[in-house]
Protein backbone atom coordinates (compact mmCIF):
# COMPACT_ATOMS: atom_id res chain seq x y z
CA MET A 1 0.32 18.72 215.28
CA THR A 2 0.12 21.36 217.82
CA ASN A 3 2.52 23.32 219.77
CA GLN A 4 3.39 21.87 223.36
CA SER A 5 5.04 23.81 225.93
CA HIS A 6 8.31 22.12 227.66
CA SER A 7 6.86 22.95 231.02
CA GLU A 8 4.13 20.89 230.04
CA ARG A 9 5.84 18.12 228.03
CA ALA A 10 5.04 14.57 228.64
CA HIS A 11 8.13 11.63 227.84
CA ALA A 12 7.37 8.59 226.23
CA LYS A 13 8.72 5.22 227.85
CA LEU A 14 10.91 4.54 224.76
CA SER A 15 11.76 8.58 224.06
CA ALA A 16 13.55 10.31 221.53
CA SER A 17 15.76 12.08 224.05
CA GLY A 18 16.65 8.85 225.71
CA SER A 19 17.32 6.89 222.31
CA ALA A 20 21.25 6.76 222.89
CA LYS A 21 20.48 4.65 225.86
CA TRP A 22 17.75 2.49 224.94
CA LEU A 23 18.95 1.62 221.35
CA ASN A 24 22.32 0.79 222.46
CA CYS A 25 21.43 -0.86 225.69
CA PRO A 26 17.72 -2.41 225.71
CA GLY A 27 18.22 -3.47 229.31
CA SER A 28 18.34 0.16 230.30
CA VAL A 29 14.37 0.78 230.07
CA GLU A 30 13.83 -1.87 232.69
CA ALA A 31 16.96 -1.08 234.61
CA GLU A 32 15.85 2.62 234.77
CA SER A 33 12.09 2.01 235.82
CA HIS A 34 13.50 1.24 239.56
CA TYR A 35 14.87 4.64 240.02
CA GLU A 36 13.31 8.01 240.62
CA ASP A 37 13.78 11.07 238.28
CA THR A 38 16.55 13.01 239.20
CA SER A 39 16.67 16.03 236.63
CA GLY A 40 17.41 19.08 238.76
CA ILE A 41 17.91 22.89 238.32
CA ASP A 42 20.26 22.47 235.36
CA ALA A 43 17.55 20.82 233.31
CA GLN A 44 15.17 23.42 234.16
CA ILE A 45 17.34 26.51 233.07
CA GLY A 46 17.56 24.45 229.81
CA THR A 47 13.75 24.20 229.71
CA MET A 48 13.68 28.06 230.50
CA ALA A 49 15.90 28.60 227.34
CA HIS A 50 13.81 26.27 224.90
CA GLU A 51 10.57 28.33 226.23
CA ILE A 52 12.29 31.63 225.32
CA ALA A 53 13.38 30.01 221.91
CA ASP A 54 9.85 28.77 221.16
CA LEU A 55 8.10 31.96 221.82
CA SER A 56 10.81 33.93 219.84
CA LEU A 57 10.10 31.75 216.63
CA GLN A 58 6.36 31.65 217.38
CA HIS A 59 6.01 35.23 217.61
CA GLU A 60 8.82 36.09 215.21
CA ARG A 61 10.82 38.12 217.63
CA ASP A 62 14.25 38.21 218.70
CA ALA A 63 15.10 36.62 222.24
CA GLU A 64 15.91 40.18 223.69
CA TYR A 65 12.19 40.85 223.92
CA TYR A 66 11.83 38.62 226.84
CA MET A 67 14.79 39.91 228.56
CA ASP A 68 14.27 41.25 232.21
CA LYS A 69 10.72 39.57 232.06
CA THR A 70 9.85 36.82 234.78
CA LEU A 71 8.83 33.27 234.41
CA ALA A 72 5.41 34.45 235.84
CA ASP A 73 5.26 37.19 233.08
CA LEU A 74 5.44 34.56 230.27
CA GLY A 75 3.48 31.64 232.06
CA ILE A 76 6.15 29.50 232.35
CA LYS A 77 5.89 27.11 235.37
CA LEU A 78 8.84 25.25 236.69
CA SER A 79 8.99 23.15 239.96
CA LEU A 80 12.42 24.19 240.82
CA VAL A 81 12.56 27.71 239.68
CA GLU A 82 10.53 30.60 241.29
CA PRO A 83 8.02 32.43 239.32
CA SER A 84 9.74 35.64 239.95
CA HIS A 85 12.95 34.29 238.24
CA ILE A 86 14.03 36.82 235.66
CA ILE A 87 15.24 36.17 232.06
CA THR A 88 18.85 37.28 232.01
CA LYS A 89 20.69 38.81 228.99
CA GLU A 90 22.92 35.75 228.87
CA MET A 91 20.25 33.82 228.25
CA THR A 92 18.82 35.72 225.57
CA ASP A 93 21.95 36.39 224.01
CA TYR A 94 22.66 32.57 223.90
CA VAL A 95 19.19 31.74 222.53
CA GLN A 96 19.43 34.16 219.84
CA GLU A 97 22.43 32.34 218.37
CA TYR A 98 19.96 29.63 218.21
CA LEU A 99 17.31 31.58 216.43
CA ASP A 100 19.79 33.05 214.00
CA TYR A 101 21.14 29.58 213.13
CA VAL A 102 17.44 28.62 212.22
CA ARG A 103 16.29 31.44 210.67
CA SER A 104 19.35 31.08 208.29
CA PHE A 105 17.89 28.34 206.68
CA GLU A 106 14.34 29.65 206.11
CA THR A 107 13.43 31.00 202.44
CA PRO A 108 10.24 32.16 201.01
CA ASP A 109 9.68 28.39 199.88
CA THR A 110 10.15 27.01 203.39
CA GLU A 111 7.75 26.15 206.21
CA LEU A 112 8.97 26.25 209.92
CA TRP A 113 7.40 24.32 212.78
CA THR A 114 8.43 24.74 216.21
CA GLU A 115 7.97 22.84 219.46
CA MET A 116 5.89 20.21 217.59
CA ARG A 117 4.91 16.74 219.12
CA VAL A 118 5.82 14.12 216.46
CA ASP A 119 4.28 10.54 216.74
CA TYR A 120 6.45 7.61 215.86
CA SER A 121 4.28 4.91 217.66
CA HIS A 122 4.26 3.04 214.21
CA ILE A 123 7.72 1.86 215.06
CA VAL A 124 7.79 2.35 218.88
CA PRO A 125 4.67 1.51 220.95
CA GLU A 126 3.37 4.53 222.45
CA GLY A 127 6.31 6.32 220.97
CA PHE A 128 6.61 10.28 220.74
CA GLY A 129 8.74 13.24 221.31
CA THR A 130 8.78 16.86 220.90
CA LEU A 131 11.14 18.34 218.36
CA ASP A 132 12.55 21.79 218.95
CA SER A 133 12.33 23.22 215.41
CA SER A 134 11.94 22.09 212.01
CA VAL A 135 12.49 23.77 208.70
CA LEU A 136 10.82 22.23 205.57
CA ASN A 137 12.05 22.94 202.28
CA TYR A 138 9.69 21.63 199.78
CA LYS A 139 11.58 23.07 196.70
CA GLU A 140 14.75 21.52 197.57
CA ARG A 141 13.18 18.50 198.97
CA HIS A 142 15.26 18.97 202.15
CA LEU A 143 13.88 18.41 205.64
CA HIS A 144 16.06 20.26 208.51
CA ILE A 145 15.79 19.04 212.08
CA PHE A 146 17.11 21.60 214.63
CA ASP A 147 17.67 20.50 218.15
CA LEU A 148 18.53 23.29 220.92
CA LYS A 149 21.07 22.04 223.71
CA TYR A 150 21.68 24.43 226.59
CA GLY A 151 24.20 22.07 228.54
CA TYR A 152 27.93 22.13 228.41
CA ASN A 153 28.47 18.57 227.36
CA LYS A 154 29.13 18.52 223.80
CA VAL A 155 26.63 16.66 221.68
CA GLU A 156 27.52 15.70 218.11
CA ALA A 157 25.27 15.85 215.05
CA PHE A 158 26.70 12.91 213.46
CA GLU A 159 24.73 9.78 213.72
CA ASN A 160 22.38 11.34 216.56
CA THR A 161 19.63 9.05 217.35
CA GLN A 162 17.60 11.83 218.78
CA GLY A 163 17.50 13.76 215.68
CA GLN A 164 16.79 10.73 213.66
CA MET A 165 13.80 9.79 215.95
CA TYR A 166 12.25 13.40 215.50
CA ALA A 167 12.57 13.17 211.64
CA LEU A 168 10.94 9.71 211.61
CA GLY A 169 8.12 11.22 213.64
CA LEU A 170 7.78 14.31 211.74
CA LEU A 171 7.61 12.34 208.41
CA ASN A 172 5.02 10.02 209.78
CA GLU A 173 2.86 13.05 211.15
CA ILE A 174 2.92 15.00 207.72
CA GLY A 175 2.14 11.57 205.96
CA PHE A 176 4.20 12.03 202.62
CA LEU A 177 7.76 10.60 202.71
CA SER A 178 8.08 11.41 199.06
CA ALA A 179 8.25 15.17 199.73
CA PHE A 180 11.80 14.89 200.70
CA ASP A 181 15.00 13.37 199.38
CA LYS A 182 17.61 14.42 202.38
CA ILE A 183 17.17 15.09 205.92
CA THR A 184 19.71 17.27 207.92
CA ILE A 185 19.98 16.94 211.59
CA HIS A 186 21.29 19.97 213.31
CA ILE A 187 22.58 20.44 217.06
CA CYS A 188 22.60 23.92 218.29
CA GLN A 189 24.54 24.29 221.44
CA PRO A 190 25.58 28.05 221.70
CA ARG A 191 27.11 27.78 225.35
CA VAL A 192 29.96 25.77 224.10
CA ASP A 193 29.92 27.47 220.61
CA ASN A 194 28.82 23.90 218.92
CA PHE A 195 26.82 24.27 215.84
CA SER A 196 27.21 21.03 213.96
CA SER A 197 25.21 19.16 211.37
CA TRP A 198 24.56 15.82 209.50
CA THR A 199 22.92 14.85 206.41
CA ILE A 200 21.51 11.50 205.32
CA THR A 201 19.31 10.24 202.59
CA LEU A 202 15.47 9.36 202.88
CA GLU A 203 16.71 5.73 202.17
CA GLU A 204 19.52 5.86 204.87
CA LEU A 205 16.84 7.06 207.35
CA LYS A 206 14.55 4.17 206.49
CA LEU A 207 17.03 1.44 207.21
CA PHE A 208 17.53 3.63 210.90
CA GLU A 209 13.55 3.02 211.15
CA LYS A 210 13.98 -0.68 210.72
CA TYR A 211 16.80 -0.90 213.58
CA VAL A 212 14.66 1.43 215.75
CA GLU A 213 11.54 -1.11 215.42
CA GLU A 214 13.81 -4.31 216.24
CA ARG A 215 15.48 -2.56 219.27
CA ALA A 216 12.15 -1.26 220.74
CA LYS A 217 10.75 -4.84 220.67
CA LEU A 218 13.93 -6.08 222.36
CA ALA A 219 13.60 -3.23 224.96
CA LEU A 220 9.87 -3.84 225.71
CA GLY A 221 10.63 -7.80 225.65
CA LYS A 222 11.21 -10.15 228.62
CA ASN A 223 14.66 -9.80 229.96
CA PRO A 224 16.15 -7.42 227.54
CA PRO A 225 19.89 -7.63 227.47
CA ARG A 226 22.29 -4.98 229.26
CA VAL A 227 24.97 -3.73 226.77
CA PRO A 228 27.19 -1.26 228.68
CA GLY A 229 29.09 1.54 226.58
CA ALA A 230 30.30 4.97 227.13
CA LYS A 231 27.36 6.35 225.55
CA GLN A 232 24.37 4.72 226.85
CA CYS A 233 25.84 4.35 230.27
CA GLN A 234 26.87 8.27 230.72
CA TRP A 235 23.31 9.41 231.79
CA CYS A 236 21.70 6.12 232.82
CA LYS A 237 20.17 5.94 236.29
CA ALA A 238 21.20 2.58 236.82
CA ARG A 239 24.88 3.11 236.05
CA PHE A 240 25.82 3.29 239.84
CA ASP A 241 24.62 -0.39 240.28
CA CYS A 242 24.75 -2.00 237.00
CA LYS A 243 27.07 -5.30 237.20
CA ALA A 244 27.04 -5.64 233.18
CA ARG A 245 28.99 -2.37 233.24
CA LYS A 246 31.32 -3.40 235.97
CA GLY A 247 31.98 -6.60 233.61
CA PHE A 248 32.39 -4.45 230.77
CA THR A 249 35.22 -2.38 232.41
CA GLU A 250 37.04 -5.42 233.56
CA GLU A 251 36.64 -7.28 230.04
CA ARG A 252 38.15 -4.15 228.02
CA LEU A 253 41.48 -4.33 230.23
CA ASN A 254 41.56 -8.32 230.47
CA ALA A 255 40.82 -8.85 226.61
CA GLU A 256 44.06 -7.48 225.13
CA PHE A 257 46.26 -9.14 227.83
CA ASP A 258 44.36 -12.66 227.22
CA SER A 259 45.54 -12.33 223.50
CA MET A 260 48.95 -11.69 224.05
CA ASP A 261 51.41 -14.63 222.87
CA GLU A 262 53.75 -16.39 225.46
CA GLU A 263 56.78 -14.34 224.78
CA VAL A 264 54.84 -11.25 225.67
CA LEU A 265 53.28 -12.78 228.91
CA ASP A 266 56.70 -13.91 229.98
CA SER A 267 57.87 -10.23 229.95
CA LYS A 268 57.83 -8.43 233.28
CA ASN A 269 57.39 -5.04 231.44
CA LEU A 270 54.28 -3.65 229.63
CA THR A 271 54.63 -2.91 225.78
CA LEU A 272 53.71 -0.11 224.30
CA ASP A 273 50.59 -1.92 222.57
CA GLU A 274 49.54 -2.74 226.34
CA LYS A 275 49.94 0.76 227.60
CA ALA A 276 48.14 2.47 224.50
CA LYS A 277 45.18 -0.20 225.17
CA ILE A 278 44.98 0.95 228.66
CA LEU A 279 44.92 4.47 227.73
CA GLU A 280 42.14 3.58 225.27
CA TYR A 281 39.82 2.74 227.90
CA LYS A 282 40.95 5.32 230.29
CA ASP A 283 37.76 7.46 230.26
CA ASP A 284 35.34 4.76 230.68
CA ILE A 285 37.33 3.19 233.53
CA GLU A 286 37.55 6.50 235.33
CA LYS A 287 34.06 7.47 234.79
CA PHE A 288 32.97 4.05 236.21
CA LEU A 289 35.16 4.39 239.43
CA LYS A 290 33.79 8.18 239.82
CA ASP A 291 30.19 6.82 239.54
CA ILE A 292 30.70 4.26 242.19
CA GLU A 293 32.55 6.78 244.52
CA LEU A 294 29.66 9.33 244.22
CA ASP A 295 27.19 6.58 244.87
CA ALA A 296 28.99 5.82 248.28
CA TYR A 297 29.22 9.63 249.03
CA ASN A 298 25.66 10.05 248.50
CA ARG A 299 24.66 6.99 250.58
CA LEU A 300 26.90 8.15 253.49
CA LEU A 301 25.11 11.42 253.18
CA ARG A 302 21.77 9.86 253.51
CA GLY A 303 22.68 8.21 256.79
CA GLU A 304 23.47 4.86 255.27
CA LYS A 305 26.25 2.41 255.90
CA PHE A 306 28.92 1.97 252.93
CA PRO A 307 31.70 -0.81 253.82
CA GLY A 308 35.05 0.66 254.53
CA LYS A 309 34.05 4.55 254.02
CA LYS A 310 32.79 7.19 256.30
CA LEU A 311 32.05 10.94 256.10
CA ILE A 312 34.64 13.16 258.33
CA ALA A 313 34.39 17.08 258.65
CA GLY A 314 35.73 18.68 255.79
CA LYS A 315 37.83 21.88 256.21
CA GLY A 316 36.83 24.95 254.26
CA ARG A 317 38.93 27.97 252.82
CA ARG A 318 39.71 30.67 255.49
CA GLN A 319 37.61 33.84 255.44
CA TRP A 320 37.44 36.87 257.25
CA THR A 321 35.42 37.50 260.18
CA ASP A 322 32.69 40.50 260.45
CA LYS A 323 35.22 42.39 262.47
CA ALA A 324 38.52 41.95 260.21
CA GLN A 325 38.05 44.96 258.50
CA GLU A 326 37.94 47.18 261.57
CA VAL A 327 40.83 45.27 263.29
CA LEU A 328 42.94 45.31 260.32
CA GLU A 329 42.37 48.78 259.43
CA GLU A 330 43.54 50.26 262.90
CA LYS A 331 46.28 48.00 263.06
CA LEU A 332 47.70 48.47 259.19
CA GLY A 333 45.82 51.60 258.12
CA GLU A 334 45.42 51.61 254.26
CA LYS A 335 47.90 48.90 253.58
CA VAL A 336 45.12 46.33 253.94
CA PHE A 337 43.28 47.70 250.92
CA LYS A 338 43.78 46.32 247.76
CA GLU A 339 43.53 48.42 244.16
CA ARG A 340 40.85 47.67 241.78
CA GLU A 341 41.29 44.81 239.84
CA LEU A 342 39.66 44.23 236.35
CA LYS A 343 36.82 41.46 236.44
CA GLY A 344 37.21 38.15 234.81
CA ILE A 345 36.57 37.71 231.09
CA GLY A 346 33.50 35.63 231.64
CA ASP A 347 31.81 38.41 234.03
CA ILE A 348 32.89 41.15 231.42
CA GLU A 349 31.43 38.94 228.63
CA LYS A 350 28.22 38.66 230.35
CA LEU A 351 28.16 42.65 230.55
CA VAL A 352 28.92 43.59 227.09
CA GLY A 353 27.85 40.67 225.53
CA LYS A 354 29.18 37.30 223.85
CA LYS A 355 29.28 38.68 220.25
CA GLU A 356 30.48 42.28 221.32
CA LEU A 357 33.71 41.10 223.35
CA PRO A 358 35.53 39.92 220.13
CA LYS A 359 35.22 43.23 218.41
CA LEU A 360 36.92 45.03 221.10
CA ASP A 361 40.07 42.81 220.41
CA ILE A 362 41.24 42.94 224.19
CA THR A 363 41.35 38.98 224.80
CA GLU A 364 44.21 36.67 223.99
CA THR A 365 44.51 33.06 224.45
CA PRO A 366 47.98 32.06 225.23
CA LYS A 367 49.13 28.69 224.28
CA GLY A 368 49.19 25.84 226.92
CA LYS A 369 51.08 22.73 227.90
CA PRO A 370 50.71 20.20 224.81
CA LYS A 371 47.65 18.07 225.32
CA MET A 372 47.58 14.26 224.46
CA VAL A 373 44.26 13.12 222.80
CA ASP A 374 43.57 10.20 220.48
CA MET A 375 44.35 9.86 216.97
CA SER A 376 40.97 10.43 215.94
CA HIS A 377 41.04 13.86 217.41
CA LYS A 378 40.23 16.64 214.52
CA SER A 379 43.15 19.00 215.55
CA PRO A 380 46.51 18.51 214.01
CA ALA A 381 49.49 16.75 215.58
CA LEU A 382 52.40 18.64 216.94
CA GLU A 383 55.66 18.21 214.96
CA ILE A 384 58.42 17.09 217.36
CA GLU A 385 60.58 20.18 216.94
CA THR A 386 57.55 22.54 218.11
CA ILE A 387 57.19 20.76 221.37
CA ASP A 388 59.89 22.62 223.13
CA ASP A 389 58.66 26.05 221.72
CA GLU A 390 55.28 25.06 223.32
CA LEU A 391 56.76 24.41 226.63
CA ASN A 392 58.84 27.41 226.69
CA ASN A 393 55.91 29.66 225.82
CA ILE A 394 53.80 28.36 228.92
């Protein structure tokens, strides 16, 4: 195996990074083949972070070493970012959190691999991927897979298919499965303070391997089925046009009402169970509607027609003209000026550092309005007698 730069990284048709889509919806591979790559500046900002992390691990440095250097200095080439772009303190601080986490699993008995292209074509035709880093602990027979996520959408390690695909590829590459008894997938997402892990046995990974092989054959076969769902539809390029997703949205609402007995159907009022079922699907339905709305808007921006919709001139926020200060100062004097205000917490955090700000003990998080979530949410439920207190403190 060789190290591979993110900026030069190729992508397999059935990629590890896209596995949540094609494993859950085999038809997504064929569906997405008709769309262009839409990755933008945010994806390339993430690529920068990965490059800094890889360089730091390879050369046994802290991320701070690369602060204030340009992409050209580091030999990083990105299509949407200028070579003169400077690596910021904010980025190196976040990358350092990832480095500290990975290094905490290293011992004199471990081996560290970073930015390795791994091959899992023994189960997926032409399948390969590039894992961010891995710590191989032979003494404890424990394999650690680390995946750096630089986005804001929270990703969980639990049953993470991308991490498992990397583990399968890595074990295939090193050629001796018997060296490890357990595998831990780590998701490192410093910008949202999310460092989660999930451990499985080698036997459990082998079961996943069989599942992957079956789903890959289905995805590459004729007329692969489209199987909509929250996870697989989230980033699918075909989500704006997919009839299967439309049917899925409708069915989730209709199924509950179709199963009601006659007494309930005769009622003109929704029951609590019916309302609960509607709320259960709220996020999926809202996301579907927003995607369709976004598709309509983008089509109109391109000059296309969309039935029943048009673009009109928007109204921006009022702002001062160039001569405003001169006119107002002449008319009102010093009254037009405002005393200095403290910058926002986010801006100050960038100046002093994310880890340093809490040490100053100058921030607080007041209680907000009670928030309704699913029963599966990890936070404890409010006791009924405390709800009035919560509202009074807002």
